[in-house]
Amino acid sequence: MPYAAPRHCSRHHRLFTGTRCPDCERESKVRAEERRPSATERGYNHDWRKARAQFLEVHPTCCKCGAPATVVDHVVAHKGDRALFWERTNWQPLCRPCHQTKTNRSDGGGFGGRTRR
């Protein structure tokens, strides 16, 4: 099966294959990251680090695969809701690979990704 013909990026004046010019994609991610509040502004401060450490001490294994847990995941994304952020029944211990898999499935790969419908 033949490959699709290269397309022209009118912004960077180059040919590319795929859905978006790699330079445009990179710039888009940089702009999105610049708009993103800092981790502290999103609530991941000293109090969170302390609560996270306590939670992982009580729940040391990933609830998906049984590996050592390194991440406290919000089962339902809090999206800025402070009450939901601190609701411990909404927390689950995950290892980094399981957390990344969940993030990729739930919101298209993390911040700036496309949400699945």
PDB file of N, CA and C in Angstrom:
ATOM      1  N   MET A   1       0.851  -1.175   0.000  1.00  0.00           N
ATOM      2  CA  MET A   1       0.000   0.000   0.000  1.00  0.00           C
ATOM      3  C   MET A   1       0.897   1.237   0.000  1.00  0.00           C
ATOM      4  N   PRO A   2       0.649   2.195  -0.851  1.00  0.00           N
ATOM      5  CA  PRO A   2       1.504   3.388  -0.930  1.00  0.00           C
ATOM      6  C   PRO A   2       1.287   4.312   0.268  1.00  0.00           C
ATOM      7  N   TYR A   3       2.326   5.037   0.569  1.00  0.00           N
ATOM      8  CA  TYR A   3       2.259   6.029   1.628  1.00  0.00           C
ATOM      9  C   TYR A   3       1.535   7.268   1.117  1.00  0.00           C
ATOM     10  N   ALA A   4       0.968   8.043   2.030  1.00  0.00           N
ATOM     11  CA  ALA A   4       0.316   9.297   1.644  1.00  0.00           C
ATOM     12  C   ALA A   4       1.383  10.289   1.179  1.00  0.00           C
ATOM     13  N   ALA A   5       1.005  11.137   0.283  1.00  0.00           N
ATOM     14  CA  ALA A   5       1.931  12.155  -0.217  1.00  0.00           C
ATOM     15  C   ALA A   5       2.266  13.136   0.897  1.00  0.00           C
ATOM     16  N   PRO A   6       3.489  13.635   0.937  1.00  0.00           N
ATOM     17  CA  PRO A   6       3.852  14.643   1.938  1.00  0.00           C
ATOM     18  C   PRO A   6       2.985  15.890   1.784  1.00  0.00           C
ATOM     19  N   ARG A   7       2.741  16.540   2.915  1.00  0.00           N
ATOM     20  CA  ARG A   7       1.969  17.780   2.915  1.00  0.00           C
ATOM     21  C   ARG A   7       2.903  18.938   3.203  1.00  0.00           C
ATOM     22  N   HIS A   8       2.457  20.142   2.866  1.00  0.00           N
ATOM     23  CA  HIS A   8       3.274  21.343   3.050  1.00  0.00           C
ATOM     24  C   HIS A   8       2.778  22.114   4.271  1.00  0.00           C
ATOM     25  N   CYS A   9       3.695  22.493   5.154  1.00  0.00           N
ATOM     26  CA  CYS A   9       3.354  23.333   6.303  1.00  0.00           C
ATOM     27  C   CYS A   9       3.521  24.787   5.878  1.00  0.00           C
ATOM     28  N   SER A  10       2.429  25.533   5.913  1.00  0.00           N
ATOM     29  CA  SER A  10       2.494  26.933   5.487  1.00  0.00           C
ATOM     30  C   SER A  10       3.211  27.811   6.513  1.00  0.00           C
ATOM     31  N   ARG A  11       3.305  27.348   7.742  1.00  0.00           N
ATOM     32  CA  ARG A  11       3.980  28.135   8.775  1.00  0.00           C
ATOM     33  C   ARG A  11       5.500  27.960   8.716  1.00  0.00           C
ATOM     34  N   HIS A  12       5.958  26.726   8.572  1.00  0.00           N
ATOM     35  CA  HIS A  12       7.395  26.441   8.597  1.00  0.00           C
ATOM     36  C   HIS A  12       7.977  26.171   7.214  1.00  0.00           C
ATOM     37  N   HIS A  13       7.133  26.188   6.214  1.00  0.00           N
ATOM     38  CA  HIS A  13       7.576  26.021   4.826  1.00  0.00           C
ATOM     39  C   HIS A  13       8.416  24.759   4.639  1.00  0.00           C
ATOM     40  N   ARG A  14       7.830  23.648   5.086  1.00  0.00           N
ATOM     41  CA  ARG A  14       8.502  22.369   4.923  1.00  0.00           C
ATOM     42  C   ARG A  14       7.478  21.291   4.633  1.00  0.00           C
ATOM     43  N   LEU A  15       7.941  20.197   4.076  1.00  0.00           N
ATOM     44  CA  LEU A  15       7.084  19.050   3.817  1.00  0.00           C
ATOM     45  C   LEU A  15       7.089  18.141   5.038  1.00  0.00           C
ATOM     46  N   PHE A  16       5.955  17.492   5.275  1.00  0.00           N
ATOM     47  CA  PHE A  16       5.872  16.538   6.377  1.00  0.00           C
ATOM     48  C   PHE A  16       4.855  15.469   6.027  1.00  0.00           C
ATOM     49  N   THR A  17       4.958  14.350   6.699  1.00  0.00           N
ATOM     50  CA  THR A  17       3.960  13.296   6.571  1.00  0.00           C
ATOM     51  C   THR A  17       3.253  13.180   7.907  1.00  0.00           C
ATOM     52  N   GLY A  18       2.095  12.610   7.904  1.00  0.00           N
ATOM     53  CA  GLY A  18       1.330  12.489   9.133  1.00  0.00           C
ATOM     54  C   GLY A  18       0.264  13.559   9.203  1.00  0.00           C
ATOM     55  N   THR A  19      -0.254  13.771  10.403  1.00  0.00           N
ATOM     56  CA  THR A  19      -1.369  14.693  10.564  1.00  0.00           C
ATOM     57  C   THR A  19      -0.952  16.124  10.852  1.00  0.00           C
ATOM     58  N   ARG A  20       0.258  16.315  11.367  1.00  0.00           N
ATOM     59  CA  ARG A  20       0.679  17.659  11.751  1.00  0.00           C
ATOM     60  C   ARG A  20       2.184  17.824  11.596  1.00  0.00           C
ATOM     61  N   CYS A  21       2.600  18.994  11.198  1.00  0.00           N
ATOM     62  CA  CYS A  21       4.021  19.310  11.079  1.00  0.00           C
ATOM     63  C   CYS A  21       4.681  19.112  12.451  1.00  0.00           C
ATOM     64  N   PRO A  22       5.809  18.405  12.521  1.00  0.00           N
ATOM     65  CA  PRO A  22       6.469  18.182  13.811  1.00  0.00           C
ATOM     66  C   PRO A  22       6.835  19.482  14.532  1.00  0.00           C
ATOM     67  N   ASP A  23       7.235  20.510  13.789  1.00  0.00           N
ATOM     68  CA  ASP A  23       7.567  21.791  14.420  1.00  0.00           C
ATOM     69  C   ASP A  23       6.321  22.441  15.009  1.00  0.00           C
ATOM     70  N   CYS A  24       5.205  22.387  14.282  1.00  0.00           N
ATOM     71  CA  CYS A  24       3.944  22.940  14.794  1.00  0.00           C
ATOM     72  C   CYS A  24       3.501  22.183  16.046  1.00  0.00           C
ATOM     73  N   GLU A  25       3.642  20.867  16.032  1.00  0.00           N
ATOM     74  CA  GLU A  25       3.272  20.042  17.179  1.00  0.00           C
ATOM     75  C   GLU A  25       4.112  20.408  18.397  1.00  0.00           C
ATOM     76  N   ARG A  26       5.419  20.537  18.214  1.00  0.00           N
ATOM     77  CA  ARG A  26       6.326  20.893  19.312  1.00  0.00           C
ATOM     78  C   ARG A  26       5.968  22.266  19.882  1.00  0.00           C
ATOM     79  N   GLU A  27       5.731  23.250  19.017  1.00  0.00           N
ATOM     80  CA  GLU A  27       5.370  24.600  19.470  1.00  0.00           C
ATOM     81  C   GLU A  27       4.051  24.587  20.230  1.00  0.00           C
ATOM     82  N   SER A  28       3.107  23.786  19.779  1.00  0.00           N
ATOM     83  CA  SER A  28       1.817  23.685  20.446  1.00  0.00           C
ATOM     84  C   SER A  28       1.982  23.150  21.867  1.00  0.00           C
ATOM     85  N   LYS A  29       2.822  22.135  22.034  1.00  0.00           N
ATOM     86  CA  LYS A  29       3.057  21.565  23.360  1.00  0.00           C
ATOM     87  C   LYS A  29       3.752  22.564  24.274  1.00  0.00           C
ATOM     88  N   VAL A  30       4.687  23.338  23.743  1.00  0.00           N
ATOM     89  CA  VAL A  30       5.383  24.354  24.540  1.00  0.00           C
ATOM     90  C   VAL A  30       4.388  25.413  25.012  1.00  0.00           C
ATOM     91  N   ARG A  31       3.527  25.875  24.113  1.00  0.00           N
ATOM     92  CA  ARG A  31       2.522  26.885  24.495  1.00  0.00           C
ATOM     93  C   ARG A  31       1.571  26.337  25.553  1.00  0.00           C
ATOM     94  N   ALA A  32       1.155  25.092  25.411  1.00  0.00           N
ATOM     95  CA  ALA A  32       0.257  24.480  26.388  1.00  0.00           C
ATOM     96  C   ALA A  32       0.938  24.382  27.748  1.00  0.00           C
ATOM     97  N   GLU A  33       2.198  23.993  27.763  1.00  0.00           N
ATOM     98  CA  GLU A  33       2.938  23.872  29.019  1.00  0.00           C
ATOM     99  C   GLU A  33       3.118  25.237  29.685  1.00  0.00           C
ATOM    100  N   GLU A  34       3.311  26.284  28.894  1.00  0.00           N
ATOM    101  CA  GLU A  34       3.455  27.632  29.451  1.00  0.00           C
ATOM    102  C   GLU A  34       2.162  28.094  30.121  1.00  0.00           C
ATOM    103  N   ARG A  35       1.019  27.648  29.617  1.00  0.00           N
ATOM    104  CA  ARG A  35      -0.277  28.027  30.196  1.00  0.00           C
ATOM    105  C   ARG A  35      -0.629  27.191  31.421  1.00  0.00           C
ATOM    106  N   ARG A  36       0.015  26.060  31.568  1.00  0.00           N
ATOM    107  CA  ARG A  36      -0.315  25.138  32.647  1.00  0.00           C
ATOM    108  C   ARG A  36       0.146  25.703  33.987  1.00  0.00           C
ATOM    109  N   PRO A  37      -0.735  25.666  34.999  1.00  0.00           N
ATOM    110  CA  PRO A  37      -0.310  26.114  36.332  1.00  0.00           C
ATOM    111  C   PRO A  37       0.791  25.202  36.865  1.00  0.00           C
ATOM    112  N   SER A  38       1.595  25.729  37.763  1.00  0.00           N
ATOM    113  CA  SER A  38       2.668  24.928  38.353  1.00  0.00           C
ATOM    114  C   SER A  38       2.062  23.817  39.214  1.00  0.00           C
ATOM    115  N   ALA A  39       2.884  22.837  39.547  1.00  0.00           N
ATOM    116  CA  ALA A  39       2.415  21.740  40.389  1.00  0.00           C
ATOM    117  C   ALA A  39       1.890  22.278  41.721  1.00  0.00           C
ATOM    118  N   THR A  40       2.572  23.245  42.295  1.00  0.00           N
ATOM    119  CA  THR A  40       2.124  23.841  43.553  1.00  0.00           C
ATOM    120  C   THR A  40       0.780  24.528  43.378  1.00  0.00           C
ATOM    121  N   GLU A  41       0.622  25.255  42.292  1.00  0.00           N
ATOM    122  CA  GLU A  41      -0.651  25.931  42.027  1.00  0.00           C
ATOM    123  C   GLU A  41      -1.783  24.927  41.815  1.00  0.00           C
ATOM    124  N   ARG A  42      -1.445  23.717  41.368  1.00  0.00           N
ATOM    125  CA  ARG A  42      -2.456  22.678  41.166  1.00  0.00           C
ATOM    126  C   ARG A  42      -2.704  21.871  42.436  1.00  0.00           C
ATOM    127  N   GLY A  43      -2.032  22.208  43.537  1.00  0.00           N
ATOM    128  CA  GLY A  43      -2.295  21.561  44.813  1.00  0.00           C
ATOM    129  C   GLY A  43      -1.249  20.554  45.250  1.00  0.00           C
ATOM    130  N   TYR A  44      -0.254  20.295  44.432  1.00  0.00           N
ATOM    131  CA  TYR A  44       0.769  19.314  44.774  1.00  0.00           C
ATOM    132  C   TYR A  44       1.895  20.006  45.546  1.00  0.00           C
ATOM    133  N   ASN A  45       1.594  20.318  46.812  1.00  0.00           N
ATOM    134  CA  ASN A  45       2.500  21.078  47.666  1.00  0.00           C
ATOM    135  C   ASN A  45       3.030  20.181  48.792  1.00  0.00           C
ATOM    136  N   HIS A  46       3.557  20.807  49.824  1.00  0.00           N
ATOM    137  CA  HIS A  46       4.109  20.064  50.959  1.00  0.00           C
ATOM    138  C   HIS A  46       3.056  19.155  51.584  1.00  0.00           C
ATOM    139  N   ASP A  47       1.846  19.672  51.771  1.00  0.00           N
ATOM    140  CA  ASP A  47       0.777  18.865  52.377  1.00  0.00           C
ATOM    141  C   ASP A  47       0.486  17.627  51.527  1.00  0.00           C
ATOM    142  N   TRP A  48       0.468  17.799  50.201  1.00  0.00           N
ATOM    143  CA  TRP A  48       0.230  16.657  49.313  1.00  0.00           C
ATOM    144  C   TRP A  48       1.378  15.646  49.412  1.00  0.00           C
ATOM    145  N   ARG A  49       2.613  16.127  49.393  1.00  0.00           N
ATOM    146  CA  ARG A  49       3.752  15.209  49.459  1.00  0.00           C
ATOM    147  C   ARG A  49       3.718  14.394  50.755  1.00  0.00           C
ATOM    148  N   LYS A  50       3.327  15.039  51.839  1.00  0.00           N
ATOM    149  CA  LYS A  50       3.227  14.353  53.129  1.00  0.00           C
ATOM    150  C   LYS A  50       2.106  13.303  53.092  1.00  0.00           C
ATOM    151  N   ALA A  51       0.933  13.686  52.602  1.00  0.00           N
ATOM    152  CA  ALA A  51      -0.204  12.760  52.510  1.00  0.00           C
ATOM    153  C   ALA A  51       0.114  11.604  51.563  1.00  0.00           C
ATOM    154  N   ARG A  52       0.788  11.917  50.463  1.00  0.00           N
ATOM    155  CA  ARG A  52       1.179  10.902  49.476  1.00  0.00           C
ATOM    156  C   ARG A  52       2.093   9.861  50.114  1.00  0.00           C
ATOM    157  N   ALA A  53       3.104  10.336  50.854  1.00  0.00           N
ATOM    158  CA  ALA A  53       4.051   9.427  51.503  1.00  0.00           C
ATOM    159  C   ALA A  53       3.334   8.524  52.510  1.00  0.00           C
ATOM    160  N   GLN A  54       2.419   9.097  53.291  1.00  0.00           N
ATOM    161  CA  GLN A  54       1.661   8.307  54.261  1.00  0.00           C
ATOM    162  C   GLN A  54       0.796   7.262  53.559  1.00  0.00           C
ATOM    163  N   PHE A  55       0.141   7.656  52.469  1.00  0.00           N
ATOM    164  CA  PHE A  55      -0.727   6.741  51.728  1.00  0.00           C
ATOM    165  C   PHE A  55       0.087   5.581  51.150  1.00  0.00           C
ATOM    166  N   LEU A  56       1.248   5.890  50.565  1.00  0.00           N
ATOM    167  CA  LEU A  56       2.072   4.836  49.976  1.00  0.00           C
ATOM    168  C   LEU A  56       2.689   3.929  51.041  1.00  0.00           C
ATOM    169  N   GLU A  57       2.864   4.446  52.246  1.00  0.00           N
ATOM    170  CA  GLU A  57       3.370   3.617  53.337  1.00  0.00           C
ATOM    171  C   GLU A  57       2.328   2.565  53.723  1.00  0.00           C
ATOM    172  N   VAL A  58       1.058   2.966  53.726  1.00  0.00           N
ATOM    173  CA  VAL A  58      -0.038   2.057  54.067  1.00  0.00           C
ATOM    174  C   VAL A  58      -0.399   1.156  52.880  1.00  0.00           C
ATOM    175  N   HIS A  59      -0.254   1.671  51.663  1.00  0.00           N
ATOM    176  CA  HIS A  59      -0.613   0.945  50.431  1.00  0.00           C
ATOM    177  C   HIS A  59       0.634   0.857  49.535  1.00  0.00           C
ATOM    178  N   PRO A  60       1.559  -0.048  49.845  1.00  0.00           N
ATOM    179  CA  PRO A  60       2.848  -0.049  49.146  1.00  0.00           C
ATOM    180  C   PRO A  60       2.869  -0.722  47.768  1.00  0.00           C
ATOM    181  N   THR A  61       1.792  -1.406  47.388  1.00  0.00           N
ATOM    182  CA  THR A  61       1.813  -2.113  46.103  1.00  0.00           C
ATOM    183  C   THR A  61       0.776  -1.557  45.137  1.00  0.00           C
ATOM    184  N   CYS A  62       1.116  -1.624  43.870  1.00  0.00           N
ATOM    185  CA  CYS A  62       0.233  -1.166  42.796  1.00  0.00           C
ATOM    186  C   CYS A  62      -1.044  -2.003  42.807  1.00  0.00           C
ATOM    187  N   CYS A  63      -2.186  -1.341  42.786  1.00  0.00           N
ATOM    188  CA  CYS A  63      -3.459  -2.062  42.824  1.00  0.00           C
ATOM    189  C   CYS A  63      -3.790  -2.729  41.489  1.00  0.00           C
ATOM    190  N   LYS A  64      -3.017  -2.457  40.450  1.00  0.00           N
ATOM    191  CA  LYS A  64      -3.255  -3.073  39.137  1.00  0.00           C
ATOM    192  C   LYS A  64      -2.378  -4.299  38.911  1.00  0.00           C
ATOM    193  N   CYS A  65      -1.081  -4.190  39.230  1.00  0.00           N
ATOM    194  CA  CYS A  65      -0.162  -5.282  38.871  1.00  0.00           C
ATOM    195  C   CYS A  65       0.616  -5.864  40.050  1.00  0.00           C
ATOM    196  N   GLY A  66       0.558  -5.228  41.219  1.00  0.00           N
ATOM    197  CA  GLY A  66       1.256  -5.749  42.385  1.00  0.00           C
ATOM    198  C   GLY A  66       2.700  -5.303  42.542  1.00  0.00           C
ATOM    199  N   ALA A  67       3.203  -4.519  41.603  1.00  0.00           N
ATOM    200  CA  ALA A  67       4.562  -3.981  41.706  1.00  0.00           C
ATOM    201  C   ALA A  67       4.598  -2.919  42.811  1.00  0.00           C
ATOM    202  N   PRO A  68       5.784  -2.522  43.262  1.00  0.00           N
ATOM    203  CA  PRO A  68       5.850  -1.447  44.251  1.00  0.00           C
ATOM    204  C   PRO A  68       5.184  -0.170  43.713  1.00  0.00           C
ATOM    205  N   ALA A  69       4.299   0.401  44.508  1.00  0.00           N
ATOM    206  CA  ALA A  69       3.592   1.623  44.104  1.00  0.00           C
ATOM    207  C   ALA A  69       4.494   2.830  44.301  1.00  0.00           C
ATOM    208  N   THR A  70       4.493   3.721  43.333  1.00  0.00           N
ATOM    209  CA  THR A  70       5.284   4.949  43.418  1.00  0.00           C
ATOM    210  C   THR A  70       4.434   6.188  43.183  1.00  0.00           C
ATOM    211  N   VAL A  71       3.172   5.997  42.799  1.00  0.00           N
ATOM    212  CA  VAL A  71       2.289   7.107  42.442  1.00  0.00           C
ATOM    213  C   VAL A  71       0.968   6.950  43.179  1.00  0.00           C
ATOM    214  N   VAL A  72       0.464   8.053  43.720  1.00  0.00           N
ATOM    215  CA  VAL A  72      -0.902   8.077  44.240  1.00  0.00           C
ATOM    216  C   VAL A  72      -1.753   8.717  43.155  1.00  0.00           C
ATOM    217  N   ASP A  73      -2.643   7.929  42.600  1.00  0.00           N
ATOM    218  CA  ASP A  73      -3.480   8.364  41.487  1.00  0.00           C
ATOM    219  C   ASP A  73      -4.860   8.751  41.993  1.00  0.00           C
ATOM    220  N   HIS A  74      -5.428   9.785  41.385  1.00  0.00           N
ATOM    221  CA  HIS A  74      -6.823  10.131  41.641  1.00  0.00           C
ATOM    222  C   HIS A  74      -7.666   9.282  40.696  1.00  0.00           C
ATOM    223  N   VAL A  75      -8.487   8.392  41.248  1.00  0.00           N
ATOM    224  CA  VAL A  75      -9.304   7.489  40.442  1.00  0.00           C
ATOM    225  C   VAL A  75     -10.162   8.298  39.480  1.00  0.00           C
ATOM    226  N   VAL A  76     -10.877   9.275  40.033  1.00  0.00           N
ATOM    227  CA  VAL A  76     -11.648  10.221  39.224  1.00  0.00           C
ATOM    228  C   VAL A  76     -10.846  11.516  39.211  1.00  0.00           C
ATOM    229  N   ALA A  77     -10.518  12.006  38.039  1.00  0.00           N
ATOM    230  CA  ALA A  77      -9.728  13.239  37.931  1.00  0.00           C
ATOM    231  C   ALA A  77     -10.422  14.367  38.685  1.00  0.00           C
ATOM    232  N   HIS A  78      -9.676  15.063  39.525  1.00  0.00           N
ATOM    233  CA  HIS A  78     -10.269  16.113  40.355  1.00  0.00           C
ATOM    234  C   HIS A  78     -10.522  17.397  39.578  1.00  0.00           C
ATOM    235  N   LYS A  79      -9.770  17.648  38.528  1.00  0.00           N
ATOM    236  CA  LYS A  79      -9.946  18.825  37.660  1.00  0.00           C
ATOM    237  C   LYS A  79     -10.102  20.124  38.456  1.00  0.00           C
ATOM    238  N   GLY A  80      -9.306  20.246  39.526  1.00  0.00           N
ATOM    239  CA  GLY A  80      -9.306  21.467  40.322  1.00  0.00           C
ATOM    240  C   GLY A  80     -10.259  21.453  41.505  1.00  0.00           C
ATOM    241  N   ASP A  81     -11.086  20.439  41.641  1.00  0.00           N
ATOM    242  CA  ASP A  81     -12.022  20.328  42.765  1.00  0.00           C
ATOM    243  C   ASP A  81     -11.226  19.928  44.009  1.00  0.00           C
ATOM    244  N   ARG A  82     -11.028  20.873  44.937  1.00  0.00           N
ATOM    245  CA  ARG A  82     -10.178  20.639  46.105  1.00  0.00           C
ATOM    246  C   ARG A  82     -10.721  19.519  46.993  1.00  0.00           C
ATOM    247  N   ALA A  83     -12.049  19.438  47.140  1.00  0.00           N
ATOM    248  CA  ALA A  83     -12.623  18.377  47.975  1.00  0.00           C
ATOM    249  C   ALA A  83     -12.314  17.004  47.371  1.00  0.00           C
ATOM    250  N   LEU A  84     -12.476  16.873  46.066  1.00  0.00           N
ATOM    251  CA  LEU A  84     -12.187  15.606  45.396  1.00  0.00           C
ATOM    252  C   LEU A  84     -10.687  15.318  45.410  1.00  0.00           C
ATOM    253  N   PHE A  85      -9.877  16.350  45.318  1.00  0.00           N
ATOM    254  CA  PHE A  85      -8.418  16.194  45.367  1.00  0.00           C
ATOM    255  C   PHE A  85      -8.006  15.494  46.661  1.00  0.00           C
ATOM    256  N   TRP A  86      -8.598  15.914  47.784  1.00  0.00           N
ATOM    257  CA  TRP A  86      -8.204  15.388  49.089  1.00  0.00           C
ATOM    258  C   TRP A  86      -9.036  14.188  49.537  1.00  0.00           C
ATOM    259  N   GLU A  87     -10.002  13.756  48.773  1.00  0.00           N
ATOM    260  CA  GLU A  87     -10.845  12.611  49.138  1.00  0.00           C
ATOM    261  C   GLU A  87     -10.041  11.316  48.991  1.00  0.00           C
ATOM    262  N   ARG A  88      -9.648  10.747  50.134  1.00  0.00           N
ATOM    263  CA  ARG A  88      -8.767   9.573  50.101  1.00  0.00           C
ATOM    264  C   ARG A  88      -9.417   8.351  49.469  1.00  0.00           C
ATOM    265  N   THR A  89     -10.734   8.272  49.475  1.00  0.00           N
ATOM    266  CA  THR A  89     -11.391   7.145  48.801  1.00  0.00           C
ATOM    267  C   THR A  89     -11.262   7.268  47.284  1.00  0.00           C
ATOM    268  N   ASN A  90     -10.798   8.412  46.808  1.00  0.00           N
ATOM    269  CA  ASN A  90     -10.576   8.637  45.383  1.00  0.00           C
ATOM    270  C   ASN A  90      -9.102   8.413  45.002  1.00  0.00           C
ATOM    271  N   TRP A  91      -8.311   7.935  45.937  1.00  0.00           N
ATOM    272  CA  TRP A  91      -6.898   7.682  45.681  1.00  0.00           C
ATOM    273  C   TRP A  91      -6.667   6.188  45.459  1.00  0.00           C
ATOM    274  N   GLN A  92      -5.689   5.872  44.625  1.00  0.00           N
ATOM    275  CA  GLN A  92      -5.271   4.484  44.458  1.00  0.00           C
ATOM    276  C   GLN A  92      -3.760   4.445  44.243  1.00  0.00           C
ATOM    277  N   PRO A  93      -3.103   3.417  44.803  1.00  0.00           N
ATOM    278  CA  PRO A  93      -1.658   3.288  44.611  1.00  0.00           C
ATOM    279  C   PRO A  93      -1.364   2.618  43.269  1.00  0.00           C
ATOM    280  N   LEU A  94      -0.485   3.221  42.495  1.00  0.00           N
ATOM    281  CA  LEU A  94      -0.093   2.654  41.206  1.00  0.00           C
ATOM    282  C   LEU A  94       1.422   2.729  41.043  1.00  0.00           C
ATOM    283  N   CYS A  95       1.956   1.817  40.241  1.00  0.00           N
ATOM    284  CA  CYS A  95       3.346   1.948  39.815  1.00  0.00           C
ATOM    285  C   CYS A  95       3.347   2.929  38.639  1.00  0.00           C
ATOM    286  N   ARG A  96       4.507   3.446  38.292  1.00  0.00           N
ATOM    287  CA  ARG A  96       4.575   4.436  37.210  1.00  0.00           C
ATOM    288  C   ARG A  96       4.045   3.895  35.879  1.00  0.00           C
ATOM    289  N   PRO A  97       4.403   2.670  35.448  1.00  0.00           N
ATOM    290  CA  PRO A  97       3.866   2.183  34.165  1.00  0.00           C
ATOM    291  C   PRO A  97       2.339   2.077  34.153  1.00  0.00           C
ATOM    292  N   CYS A  98       1.746   1.587  35.239  1.00  0.00           N
ATOM    293  CA  CYS A  98       0.278   1.485  35.283  1.00  0.00           C
ATOM    294  C   CYS A  98      -0.360   2.871  35.299  1.00  0.00           C
ATOM    295  N   HIS A  99       0.263   3.818  35.999  1.00  0.00           N
ATOM    296  CA  HIS A  99      -0.265   5.182  36.015  1.00  0.00           C
ATOM    297  C   HIS A  99      -0.201   5.794  34.624  1.00  0.00           C
ATOM    298  N   GLN A 100       0.902   5.573  33.926  1.00  0.00           N
ATOM    299  CA  GLN A 100       1.041   6.120  32.574  1.00  0.00           C
ATOM    300  C   GLN A 100       0.007   5.509  31.634  1.00  0.00           C
ATOM    301  N   THR A 101      -0.225   4.211  31.766  1.00  0.00           N
ATOM    302  CA  THR A 101      -1.239   3.545  30.944  1.00  0.00           C
ATOM    303  C   THR A 101      -2.610   4.142  31.214  1.00  0.00           C
ATOM    304  N   LYS A 102      -2.940   4.339  32.489  1.00  0.00           N
ATOM    305  CA  LYS A 102      -4.240   4.924  32.838  1.00  0.00           C
ATOM    306  C   LYS A 102      -4.357   6.337  32.278  1.00  0.00           C
ATOM    307  N   THR A 103      -3.316   7.136  32.436  1.00  0.00           N
ATOM    308  CA  THR A 103      -3.336   8.512  31.941  1.00  0.00           C
ATOM    309  C   THR A 103      -3.519   8.537  30.429  1.00  0.00           C
ATOM    310  N   ASN A 104      -2.794   7.695  29.726  1.00  0.00           N
ATOM    311  CA  ASN A 104      -2.913   7.660  28.267  1.00  0.00           C
ATOM    312  C   ASN A 104      -4.312   7.268  27.824  1.00  0.00           C
ATOM    313  N   ARG A 105      -4.932   6.346  28.532  1.00  0.00           N
ATOM    314  CA  ARG A 105      -6.280   5.903  28.161  1.00  0.00           C
ATOM    315  C   ARG A 105      -7.345   6.927  28.532  1.00  0.00           C
ATOM    316  N   SER A 106      -7.178   7.578  29.681  1.00  0.00           N
ATOM    317  CA  SER A 106      -8.246   8.452  30.171  1.00  0.00           C
ATOM    318  C   SER A 106      -8.229   9.845  29.570  1.00  0.00           C
ATOM    319  N   ASP A 107      -7.048  10.398  29.310  1.00  0.00           N
ATOM    320  CA  ASP A 107      -7.051  11.767  28.779  1.00  0.00           C
ATOM    321  C   ASP A 107      -6.102  11.968  27.613  1.00  0.00           C
ATOM    322  N   GLY A 108      -5.846  10.928  26.892  1.00  0.00           N
ATOM    323  CA  GLY A 108      -5.086  11.073  25.656  1.00  0.00           C
ATOM    324  C   GLY A 108      -3.606  11.329  25.838  1.00  0.00           C
ATOM    325  N   GLY A 109      -3.040  10.948  26.977  1.00  0.00           N
ATOM    326  CA  GLY A 109      -1.592  11.070  27.107  1.00  0.00           C
ATOM    327  C   GLY A 109      -1.123  12.143  28.050  1.00  0.00           C
ATOM    328  N   GLY A 110      -1.975  12.613  28.914  1.00  0.00           N
ATOM    329  CA  GLY A 110      -1.532  13.622  29.860  1.00  0.00           C
ATOM    330  C   GLY A 110      -1.941  15.007  29.442  1.00  0.00           C
ATOM    331  N   PHE A 111      -1.376  15.988  30.094  1.00  0.00           N
ATOM    332  CA  PHE A 111      -1.750  17.377  29.851  1.00  0.00           C
ATOM    333  C   PHE A 111      -1.573  17.739  28.393  1.00  0.00           C
ATOM    334  N   GLY A 112      -2.577  18.351  27.834  1.00  0.00           N
ATOM    335  CA  GLY A 112      -2.513  18.777  26.444  1.00  0.00           C
ATOM    336  C   GLY A 112      -2.971  17.710  25.469  1.00  0.00           C
ATOM    337  N   GLY A 113      -3.227  16.499  25.976  1.00  0.00           N
ATOM    338  CA  GLY A 113      -3.689  15.427  25.099  1.00  0.00           C
ATOM    339  C   GLY A 113      -5.166  15.560  24.795  1.00  0.00           C
ATOM    340  N   ARG A 114      -5.607  14.804  23.846  1.00  0.00           N
ATOM    341  CA  ARG A 114      -7.017  14.821  23.474  1.00  0.00           C
ATOM    342  C   ARG A 114      -7.789  13.902  24.396  1.00  0.00           C
ATOM    343  N   THR A 115      -8.928  14.349  24.861  1.00  0.00           N
ATOM    344  CA  THR A 115      -9.779  13.554  25.722  1.00  0.00           C
ATOM    345  C   THR A 115     -10.585  12.586  24.877  1.00  0.00           C
ATOM    346  N   ARG A 116     -10.643  11.338  25.320  1.00  0.00           N
ATOM    347  CA  ARG A 116     -11.463  10.356  24.618  1.00  0.00           C
ATOM    348  C   ARG A 116     -12.919  10.594  24.945  1.00  0.00           C
ATOM    349  N   ARG A 117     -13.760  10.366  23.983  1.00  0.00           N
ATOM    350  CA  ARG A 117     -15.207  10.539  24.196  1.00  0.00           C
ATOM    351  C   ARG A 117     -15.908   9.215  24.134  1.00  0.00           C
TER     352      ARG A 117
END
